[in-house]
Amino acid sequence: MTARLVAVVACMLVAGCSATPFQRGLLYSEQGKYTRALAAFDEAVRTSPSAGAYANRGATRARLGDTRGAIEDFNEALAREPDDAAVLVNRGNAHVLLGEFKEAIADFSRVLELQPKFVGVWFNRGLARSQAGDPDGARRDWDQAMTLTGDPAVREAMERRAADLMKQAARAAPTASSPDSGTLAHRALDRELAGDHAGALADLKSALSAEQDPDRRAGLEGLMRLLGDSP
């Protein structure tokens, strides 16, 4: 519990002491009463808008699952205090949740300009880079995070997490050896025009096997009939 929050709690226990909406929001947030905290921060933003009011309302919205609303509040907070590293981290994490990896990388990069030894941000930027299709950049960021941390247990946990993320990215990446049905269908037509009738039929059969959409399957079956074969 922060010193500020201790002072708020003490104040609220004294008869006649009235906490501000912002202070009530901090107290409710500390207690895990996020719906009440949101209402208090709503009032704080309405009556005394500040970077802190917007930042804390954004964090509360994020906890309640309103990620887009959280980003809007973080934007307002950063318009007032552009170099608030904590808000930049929170906005970057929110962008990751929404799949907005380019924006997340930009936020994390700015934090690392301000605080180059922020271990968690090195790791999170690596995660965003991995999801954005930059495995080499991700690996460099993760290596930097593991170099900076002095805790062997944390380093080992990071290594396991990084390995899992790399495996997930590899499974999700398309491979040249597994073309999709549309690619196979186009290649079949090219082969037929080039005189490779057997190759064309083989590609169409592979496309039909890979395709799940009923309409596209019907189209592939029609092509096979045109080429003189039944699906």
Protein backbone atom coordinates (compact mmCIF):
# COMPACT_ATOMS: atom_id res chain seq x y z
CA MET A 1 0.00 0.00 0.00
CA THR A 2 1.47 3.35 -1.00
CA ALA A 3 2.06 6.21 1.42
CA ARG A 4 -0.58 8.23 -0.40
CA LEU A 5 -3.14 5.49 0.02
CA VAL A 6 -2.29 5.05 3.71
CA ALA A 7 -2.96 8.76 4.17
CA VAL A 8 -6.30 8.43 2.38
CA VAL A 9 -7.38 5.52 4.56
CA ALA A 10 -6.37 7.37 7.71
CA CYS A 11 -8.27 10.44 6.54
CA MET A 12 -11.43 8.48 5.85
CA LEU A 13 -11.33 7.02 9.34
CA VAL A 14 -11.37 10.48 10.89
CA ALA A 15 -14.85 11.91 11.43
CA GLY A 16 -15.61 14.79 9.13
CA CYS A 17 -12.78 14.12 6.71
CA SER A 18 -14.00 13.90 3.11
CA ALA A 19 -11.87 12.12 0.50
CA THR A 20 -11.77 13.38 -3.07
CA PRO A 21 -13.18 11.23 -5.92
CA PHE A 22 -9.62 10.44 -6.99
CA GLN A 23 -8.68 9.31 -3.47
CA ARG A 24 -11.81 7.16 -3.25
CA GLY A 25 -10.90 5.58 -6.57
CA LEU A 26 -7.44 4.70 -5.27
CA LEU A 27 -8.93 3.18 -2.14
CA TYR A 28 -11.54 1.11 -3.99
CA SER A 29 -8.91 -0.06 -6.45
CA GLU A 30 -6.63 -1.16 -3.62
CA GLN A 31 -9.55 -3.12 -2.15
CA GLY A 32 -10.30 -4.78 -5.50
CA LYS A 33 -13.67 -3.02 -5.82
CA TYR A 34 -13.12 -2.05 -9.42
CA THR A 35 -16.69 -1.12 -10.33
CA ARG A 36 -16.77 1.38 -7.46
CA ALA A 37 -13.28 2.56 -8.37
CA LEU A 38 -14.41 3.21 -11.93
CA ALA A 39 -17.34 5.32 -10.75
CA ALA A 40 -15.01 7.33 -8.51
CA PHE A 41 -12.48 7.89 -11.29
CA ASP A 42 -15.33 8.85 -13.65
CA GLU A 43 -16.19 11.59 -11.17
CA ALA A 44 -12.54 12.59 -10.83
CA VAL A 45 -12.19 12.92 -14.60
CA ARG A 46 -15.38 14.94 -14.77
CA THR A 47 -14.61 17.32 -11.91
CA SER A 48 -10.79 17.51 -11.83
CA PRO A 49 -9.32 15.97 -15.00
CA SER A 50 -5.65 15.14 -14.66
CA ALA A 51 -3.10 12.69 -16.00
CA GLY A 52 -3.42 10.64 -12.81
CA ALA A 53 -7.21 10.50 -13.01
CA TYR A 54 -7.15 9.31 -16.60
CA ALA A 55 -4.29 6.85 -16.00
CA ASN A 56 -6.01 5.25 -13.03
CA ARG A 57 -9.37 5.10 -14.78
CA GLY A 58 -7.63 3.45 -17.72
CA ALA A 59 -6.03 0.85 -15.46
CA THR A 60 -9.41 0.19 -13.87
CA ARG A 61 -11.10 -0.17 -17.25
CA ALA A 62 -8.43 -2.65 -18.27
CA ARG A 63 -9.09 -4.72 -15.16
CA LEU A 64 -12.81 -4.73 -16.00
CA GLY A 65 -12.15 -5.92 -19.57
CA ASP A 66 -12.72 -2.60 -21.38
CA THR A 67 -9.37 -2.62 -23.20
CA ARG A 68 -10.34 -0.09 -25.87
CA GLY A 69 -11.68 2.30 -23.23
CA ALA A 70 -8.46 1.82 -21.26
CA ILE A 71 -6.37 2.86 -24.28
CA GLU A 72 -8.51 5.99 -24.72
CA ASP A 73 -7.81 6.96 -21.12
CA PHE A 74 -4.10 6.20 -21.43
CA ASN A 75 -4.03 8.45 -24.51
CA GLU A 76 -5.54 11.28 -22.45
CA ALA A 77 -3.05 10.72 -19.63
CA LEU A 78 -0.10 10.74 -22.05
CA ALA A 79 -1.35 13.90 -23.73
CA ARG A 80 -0.77 15.54 -20.35
CA GLU A 81 2.39 13.66 -19.35
CA PRO A 82 3.95 12.19 -22.51
CA ASP A 83 6.88 10.47 -20.79
CA ASP A 84 5.03 8.62 -18.05
CA ALA A 85 6.66 5.21 -18.39
CA ALA A 86 4.04 3.37 -16.32
CA VAL A 87 1.22 4.61 -18.56
CA LEU A 88 3.20 3.77 -21.70
CA VAL A 89 3.70 0.23 -20.39
CA ASN A 90 0.00 -0.12 -19.63
CA ARG A 91 -0.99 1.18 -23.05
CA GLY A 92 1.52 -1.14 -24.73
CA ASN A 93 0.11 -4.13 -22.88
CA ALA A 94 -3.42 -3.10 -23.87
CA HIS A 95 -2.37 -2.90 -27.52
CA VAL A 96 -0.94 -6.43 -27.25
CA LEU A 97 -4.29 -7.70 -25.95
CA LEU A 98 -6.01 -6.16 -28.98
CA GLY A 99 -3.47 -7.60 -31.43
CA GLU A 100 -2.13 -4.13 -32.24
CA PHE A 101 1.51 -5.18 -32.15
CA LYS A 102 3.00 -2.26 -34.10
CA GLU A 103 1.51 0.19 -31.60
CA ALA A 104 2.63 -1.95 -28.68
CA ILE A 105 6.21 -2.07 -29.99
CA ALA A 106 6.23 1.72 -30.32
CA ASP A 107 5.08 2.17 -26.70
CA PHE A 108 7.57 -0.35 -25.33
CA SER A 109 10.39 1.20 -27.38
CA ARG A 110 9.66 4.62 -25.90
CA VAL A 111 9.74 3.16 -22.38
CA LEU A 112 13.14 1.60 -23.09
CA GLU A 113 14.43 4.98 -24.25
CA LEU A 114 13.39 6.36 -20.87
CA GLN A 115 14.35 3.33 -18.77
CA PRO A 116 16.83 1.10 -20.66
CA LYS A 117 17.05 -1.48 -17.85
CA PHE A 118 13.29 -2.14 -17.57
CA VAL A 119 13.49 -5.94 -17.78
CA GLY A 120 9.78 -6.64 -18.14
CA VAL A 121 9.43 -4.22 -21.04
CA TRP A 122 12.30 -5.84 -22.94
CA PHE A 123 10.47 -9.13 -22.58
CA ASN A 124 7.07 -7.69 -23.53
CA ARG A 125 8.49 -5.99 -26.60
CA GLY A 126 9.93 -9.34 -27.59
CA LEU A 127 6.48 -10.87 -27.23
CA ALA A 128 4.95 -8.16 -29.42
CA ARG A 129 7.69 -8.61 -32.02
CA SER A 130 7.15 -12.36 -32.03
CA GLN A 131 3.43 -11.92 -32.65
CA ALA A 132 4.17 -9.33 -35.36
CA GLY A 133 6.28 -11.86 -37.29
CA ASP A 134 9.76 -10.67 -36.24
CA PRO A 135 11.29 -13.72 -34.50
CA ASP A 136 14.86 -12.40 -34.72
CA GLY A 137 13.91 -9.11 -33.07
CA ALA A 138 11.93 -11.02 -30.46
CA ARG A 139 14.91 -13.23 -29.64
CA ARG A 140 17.19 -10.19 -29.26
CA ASP A 141 14.75 -8.53 -26.86
CA TRP A 142 14.33 -11.68 -24.81
CA ASP A 143 18.09 -12.19 -24.63
CA GLN A 144 18.46 -8.62 -23.38
CA ALA A 145 15.77 -9.17 -20.74
CA MET A 146 17.51 -12.32 -19.53
CA THR A 147 20.88 -10.56 -19.47
CA LEU A 148 19.53 -7.71 -17.35
CA THR A 149 17.72 -9.81 -14.76
CA GLY A 150 19.81 -10.85 -11.80
CA ASP A 151 17.42 -13.56 -10.61
CA PRO A 152 18.23 -17.03 -11.98
CA ALA A 153 14.67 -18.23 -11.37
CA VAL A 154 13.23 -15.30 -13.34
CA ARG A 155 15.75 -15.87 -16.13
CA GLU A 156 14.79 -19.54 -16.34
CA ALA A 157 11.07 -18.68 -16.42
CA MET A 158 11.71 -16.16 -19.22
CA GLU A 159 13.65 -18.74 -21.20
CA ARG A 160 10.80 -21.25 -20.95
CA ARG A 161 8.22 -18.63 -21.92
CA ALA A 162 10.32 -17.42 -24.84
CA ALA A 163 10.75 -20.99 -26.10
CA ASP A 164 6.99 -21.58 -25.89
CA LEU A 165 6.26 -18.36 -27.80
CA MET A 166 8.74 -19.26 -30.54
CA LYS A 167 7.13 -22.68 -30.94
CA GLN A 168 3.67 -21.10 -31.16
CA ALA A 169 4.87 -18.66 -33.81
CA ALA A 170 6.47 -21.48 -35.81
CA ARG A 171 3.25 -23.52 -35.74
CA ALA A 172 1.20 -20.52 -36.85
CA ALA A 173 3.48 -19.53 -39.73
CA PRO A 174 2.45 -20.77 -43.19
CA THR A 175 4.95 -23.06 -44.91
CA ALA A 176 5.85 -23.36 -48.56
CA SER A 177 5.30 -27.12 -48.38
CA SER A 178 1.67 -26.66 -47.34
CA PRO A 179 -0.01 -24.28 -49.86
CA ASP A 180 -3.63 -23.38 -49.26
CA SER A 181 -6.50 -24.56 -51.47
CA GLY A 182 -6.59 -21.34 -53.50
CA THR A 183 -2.89 -21.62 -54.35
CA LEU A 184 -3.32 -25.26 -55.30
CA ALA A 185 -6.29 -24.47 -57.55
CA HIS A 186 -4.36 -21.76 -59.42
CA ARG A 187 -1.38 -24.05 -59.80
CA ALA A 188 -3.69 -26.77 -61.15
CA LEU A 189 -4.94 -24.46 -63.89
CA ASP A 190 -1.38 -23.46 -64.78
CA ARG A 191 -0.38 -27.12 -65.00
CA GLU A 192 -3.37 -27.98 -67.18
CA LEU A 193 -2.56 -25.13 -69.58
CA ALA A 194 1.05 -26.37 -69.71
CA GLY A 195 -0.12 -29.87 -70.63
CA ASP A 196 0.44 -31.49 -67.23
CA HIS A 197 -3.03 -32.99 -66.87
CA ALA A 198 -2.08 -35.48 -64.15
CA GLY A 199 -0.37 -32.78 -62.08
CA ALA A 200 -3.41 -30.52 -62.43
CA LEU A 201 -5.74 -33.23 -61.16
CA ALA A 202 -3.38 -34.02 -58.27
CA ASP A 203 -3.36 -30.35 -57.20
CA LEU A 204 -7.16 -30.13 -57.40
CA LYS A 205 -7.56 -33.25 -55.27
CA SER A 206 -5.15 -31.82 -52.69
CA ALA A 207 -7.04 -28.50 -52.74
CA LEU A 208 -10.34 -30.32 -52.24
CA SER A 209 -8.88 -32.24 -49.31
CA ALA A 210 -7.65 -29.04 -47.66
CA GLU A 211 -10.77 -26.92 -48.27
CA GLN A 212 -13.54 -26.77 -45.64
CA ASP A 213 -15.78 -24.04 -47.09
CA PRO A 214 -18.81 -25.66 -48.88
CA ASP A 215 -18.98 -23.07 -51.68
CA ARG A 216 -15.28 -23.28 -52.48
CA ARG A 217 -15.45 -27.08 -52.36
CA ALA A 218 -18.26 -26.98 -54.90
CA GLY A 219 -16.12 -24.78 -57.16
CA LEU A 220 -13.19 -27.17 -56.91
CA GLU A 221 -15.43 -30.13 -57.68
CA GLY A 222 -16.70 -28.29 -60.77
CA LEU A 223 -13.13 -27.73 -61.96
CA MET A 224 -12.35 -31.40 -61.53
CA ARG A 225 -15.38 -32.34 -63.64
CA LEU A 226 -14.28 -29.90 -66.34
CA LEU A 227 -10.91 -31.60 -66.43
CA GLY A 228 -12.56 -34.97 -66.89
CA ASP A 229 -12.38 -36.40 -63.38
CA SER A 230 -14.95 -36.95 -60.65
CA PRO A 231 -14.19 -35.74 -57.12
